[in-house]
Amino acid sequence: MIADTVPCPVIVYNVPSRTGVNMTVDTYKALSQHPNINGVKEASGDLPKVQRTLEQCGEELHIWSGNDDQIVPMTAVGGKGVISVLSNLCPKETVRLFELCKLGDYREAGRLQCSLMPLIDGLFREVNPIPVKAALNLLGYGVGLPRRPLLDMTEEGKAVLRGLLERYKDRIVPVPADSSDFPI
């Protein structure tokens, strides 16, 4: 219904951990026939399903990883890239990761993704977008709290994030120039 009424192409978001529904290959096949559905942000973590979908739909349905921890394997089987949480903190690293995949250098891409896994895990230790908003706030960006029913990150989670932000400080976006106090 949405794809029938909006003037621009849409991307379906499959996130069964939030919706309780997991899109099937048959559903993707049907959606791929809609002229206004451009693709899917696939966050089920089911790589074999992605492979079956790509085989069934080909170029009729583009697939982007919805999980930062699956950029390399999803791209290796034909995914178009990632719709990312990590990129909010490490845009250059995320772009580099995808560029390495596009070049076919999956060994180096894998090394880079592995090196980012502690930060990725930290960004998903609580329900998204709670951790990334907390991290951006800790960095001085003042993005505010998540909308309800989500709450601010726990103090324990923030402590873990502070450690990760310190560990990855040379790889994350710079602190805003007008921030005189870097709060980590």
Protein backbone atom coordinates (compact mmCIF):
# COMPACT_ATOMS: atom_id res chain seq x y z
CA MET A 1 0.00 0.00 0.00
CA ILE A 2 2.77 2.45 0.86
CA ALA A 3 4.71 1.65 -2.32
CA ASP A 4 1.51 2.30 -4.29
CA THR A 5 1.02 5.78 -2.83
CA VAL A 6 4.42 7.43 -2.48
CA PRO A 7 6.15 9.22 -5.37
CA CYS A 8 9.61 7.75 -4.71
CA PRO A 9 11.06 4.24 -4.59
CA VAL A 10 10.88 2.55 -1.19
CA ILE A 11 13.10 0.15 0.66
CA VAL A 12 11.52 -2.55 2.82
CA TYR A 13 13.08 -2.99 6.25
CA ASN A 14 13.16 -6.57 7.54
CA VAL A 15 13.94 -6.47 11.23
CA PRO A 16 12.24 -9.47 12.83
CA SER A 17 13.75 -8.76 16.26
CA ARG A 18 11.54 -5.66 16.36
CA THR A 19 8.48 -6.72 14.39
CA GLY A 20 8.16 -10.39 15.26
CA VAL A 21 7.77 -11.09 11.52
CA ASN A 22 10.53 -12.33 9.25
CA MET A 23 10.13 -11.76 5.53
CA THR A 24 10.39 -14.93 3.47
CA VAL A 25 12.05 -15.48 0.11
CA ASP A 26 8.57 -15.85 -1.41
CA THR A 27 7.55 -12.48 0.04
CA TYR A 28 10.69 -10.89 -1.38
CA LYS A 29 9.97 -12.45 -4.76
CA ALA A 30 6.50 -10.91 -4.76
CA LEU A 31 7.81 -7.52 -3.58
CA SER A 32 10.51 -7.56 -6.25
CA GLN A 33 7.78 -7.35 -8.89
CA HIS A 34 6.46 -4.04 -7.55
CA PRO A 35 7.78 -1.14 -9.68
CA ASN A 36 8.20 1.17 -6.68
CA ILE A 37 10.02 -1.24 -4.33
CA ASN A 38 13.74 -0.73 -4.79
CA GLY A 39 15.10 -3.19 -2.26
CA VAL A 40 15.36 -4.31 1.32
CA LYS A 41 17.40 -3.48 4.39
CA GLU A 42 17.87 -7.04 5.58
CA ALA A 43 18.49 -7.31 9.33
CA SER A 44 17.39 -10.86 10.06
CA GLY A 45 20.97 -12.17 10.22
CA ASP A 46 19.93 -15.05 7.96
CA LEU A 47 22.65 -15.12 5.31
CA PRO A 48 21.35 -18.29 3.59
CA LYS A 49 17.98 -16.56 3.13
CA VAL A 50 19.78 -13.60 1.57
CA GLN A 51 21.51 -15.95 -0.85
CA ARG A 52 18.22 -17.64 -1.76
CA THR A 53 16.57 -14.23 -2.23
CA LEU A 54 19.35 -13.04 -4.52
CA GLU A 55 19.04 -16.24 -6.53
CA GLN A 56 15.26 -15.85 -6.83
CA CYS A 57 15.08 -12.08 -7.39
CA GLY A 58 18.35 -11.18 -9.10
CA GLU A 59 18.57 -7.47 -9.87
CA GLU A 60 14.84 -7.01 -9.30
CA LEU A 61 15.44 -6.56 -5.57
CA HIS A 62 18.53 -4.88 -4.14
CA ILE A 63 19.62 -6.04 -0.70
CA TRP A 64 21.54 -3.95 1.82
CA SER A 65 22.84 -5.33 5.08
CA GLY A 66 20.92 -3.99 8.04
CA ASN A 67 23.56 -5.40 10.39
CA ASP A 68 26.98 -3.79 10.67
CA ASP A 69 28.45 -7.14 11.71
CA GLN A 70 27.48 -8.66 8.35
CA ILE A 71 28.74 -6.09 5.86
CA VAL A 72 31.48 -8.32 4.46
CA PRO A 73 29.55 -11.60 4.13
CA MET A 74 26.43 -9.88 2.79
CA THR A 75 28.45 -7.97 0.19
CA ALA A 76 30.40 -11.12 -0.71
CA VAL A 77 27.20 -12.88 -1.79
CA GLY A 78 25.82 -9.90 -3.74
CA GLY A 79 24.50 -7.34 -1.28
CA LYS A 80 24.67 -3.71 -2.38
CA GLY A 81 26.16 -2.38 0.86
CA VAL A 82 24.88 -1.47 4.30
CA ILE A 83 22.37 0.84 5.91
CA SER A 84 24.50 1.35 8.94
CA VAL A 85 24.55 2.35 12.59
CA LEU A 86 28.36 2.18 12.77
CA SER A 87 28.65 4.82 10.04
CA ASN A 88 27.27 7.42 12.44
CA LEU A 89 30.53 7.16 14.39
CA CYS A 90 32.98 5.81 11.81
CA PRO A 91 31.82 6.91 8.36
CA LYS A 92 35.28 6.67 6.78
CA GLU A 93 35.85 3.18 8.19
CA THR A 94 32.42 2.02 7.00
CA VAL A 95 32.97 3.40 3.50
CA ARG A 96 36.45 1.84 3.41
CA LEU A 97 35.00 -1.51 4.42
CA PHE A 98 32.52 -1.41 1.56
CA GLU A 99 35.14 -0.17 -0.91
CA LEU A 100 37.37 -3.11 -0.05
CA CYS A 101 34.44 -5.43 -0.71
CA LYS A 102 33.74 -3.77 -4.06
CA LEU A 103 37.40 -4.30 -4.97
CA GLY A 104 37.08 -7.97 -4.04
CA ASP A 105 39.59 -7.67 -1.22
CA TYR A 106 37.49 -9.64 1.24
CA ARG A 107 40.50 -10.66 3.29
CA GLU A 108 41.34 -7.04 4.13
CA ALA A 109 37.65 -6.15 4.46
CA GLY A 110 37.28 -9.02 6.91
CA ARG A 111 40.23 -7.79 8.94
CA LEU A 112 38.77 -4.30 9.07
CA GLN A 113 35.34 -5.57 10.07
CA CYS A 114 36.86 -7.79 12.76
CA SER A 115 38.79 -4.81 14.13
CA LEU A 116 35.51 -2.88 14.43
CA MET A 117 33.54 -5.70 16.09
CA PRO A 118 33.99 -4.50 19.69
CA LEU A 119 32.56 -1.11 18.72
CA ILE A 120 29.78 -2.72 16.66
CA ASP A 121 28.92 -4.96 19.61
CA GLY A 122 28.86 -1.92 21.88
CA LEU A 123 26.49 -0.13 19.53
CA PHE A 124 24.09 -3.06 19.78
CA ARG A 125 24.40 -3.94 23.48
CA GLU A 126 21.01 -2.30 23.99
CA VAL A 127 18.16 -1.79 21.54
CA ASN A 128 19.08 0.37 18.56
CA PRO A 129 19.15 3.42 18.40
CA ILE A 130 19.74 3.78 22.15
CA PRO A 131 23.53 3.13 22.08
CA VAL A 132 24.35 5.21 19.00
CA LYS A 133 22.40 8.18 20.36
CA ALA A 134 24.20 7.79 23.70
CA ALA A 135 27.56 7.60 21.91
CA LEU A 136 26.85 10.72 19.86
CA ASN A 137 25.75 12.55 23.00
CA LEU A 138 28.94 11.46 24.78
CA LEU A 139 30.90 12.84 21.84
CA GLY A 140 29.21 16.22 22.25
CA TYR A 141 26.76 16.11 19.36
CA GLY A 142 23.68 16.68 21.52
CA VAL A 143 21.31 14.45 19.55
CA GLY A 144 18.95 14.03 22.48
CA LEU A 145 17.27 10.94 23.85
CA PRO A 146 15.53 8.24 21.85
CA ARG A 147 11.79 8.61 21.35
CA ARG A 148 9.57 6.68 23.72
CA PRO A 149 8.97 3.91 24.37
CA LEU A 150 12.79 3.72 24.19
CA LEU A 151 14.77 5.18 27.09
CA ASP A 152 18.27 6.52 27.57
CA MET A 153 21.09 4.00 27.77
CA THR A 154 21.84 2.45 31.15
CA GLU A 155 24.75 3.84 33.13
CA GLU A 156 26.50 0.48 32.77
CA GLY A 157 26.07 0.68 29.00
CA LYS A 158 27.35 4.26 28.92
CA ALA A 159 30.44 3.18 30.86
CA VAL A 160 31.13 0.52 28.23
CA LEU A 161 30.58 3.08 25.46
CA ARG A 162 32.98 5.54 27.10
CA GLY A 163 35.67 2.87 27.04
CA LEU A 164 34.94 2.04 23.40
CA LEU A 165 34.94 5.70 22.38
CA GLU A 166 38.33 6.09 24.03
CA ARG A 167 39.63 2.91 22.36
CA TYR A 168 38.40 4.01 18.91
CA LYS A 169 38.96 7.76 19.31
CA ASP A 170 41.32 7.91 16.32
CA ARG A 171 38.74 6.20 14.12
CA ILE A 172 35.51 7.98 15.02
CA VAL A 173 34.12 11.26 13.76
CA PRO A 174 35.83 14.30 15.27
CA VAL A 175 34.35 16.18 18.19
CA PRO A 176 32.49 19.32 17.08
CA ALA A 177 34.77 22.35 16.85
CA ASP A 178 32.55 24.32 19.23
CA SER A 179 32.82 21.68 21.95
CA SER A 180 35.28 22.87 24.58
CA ASP A 181 34.76 19.87 26.81
CA PHE A 182 35.16 16.38 25.39
CA PRO A 183 33.01 14.45 27.85
CA ILE A 184 34.57 10.99 27.76
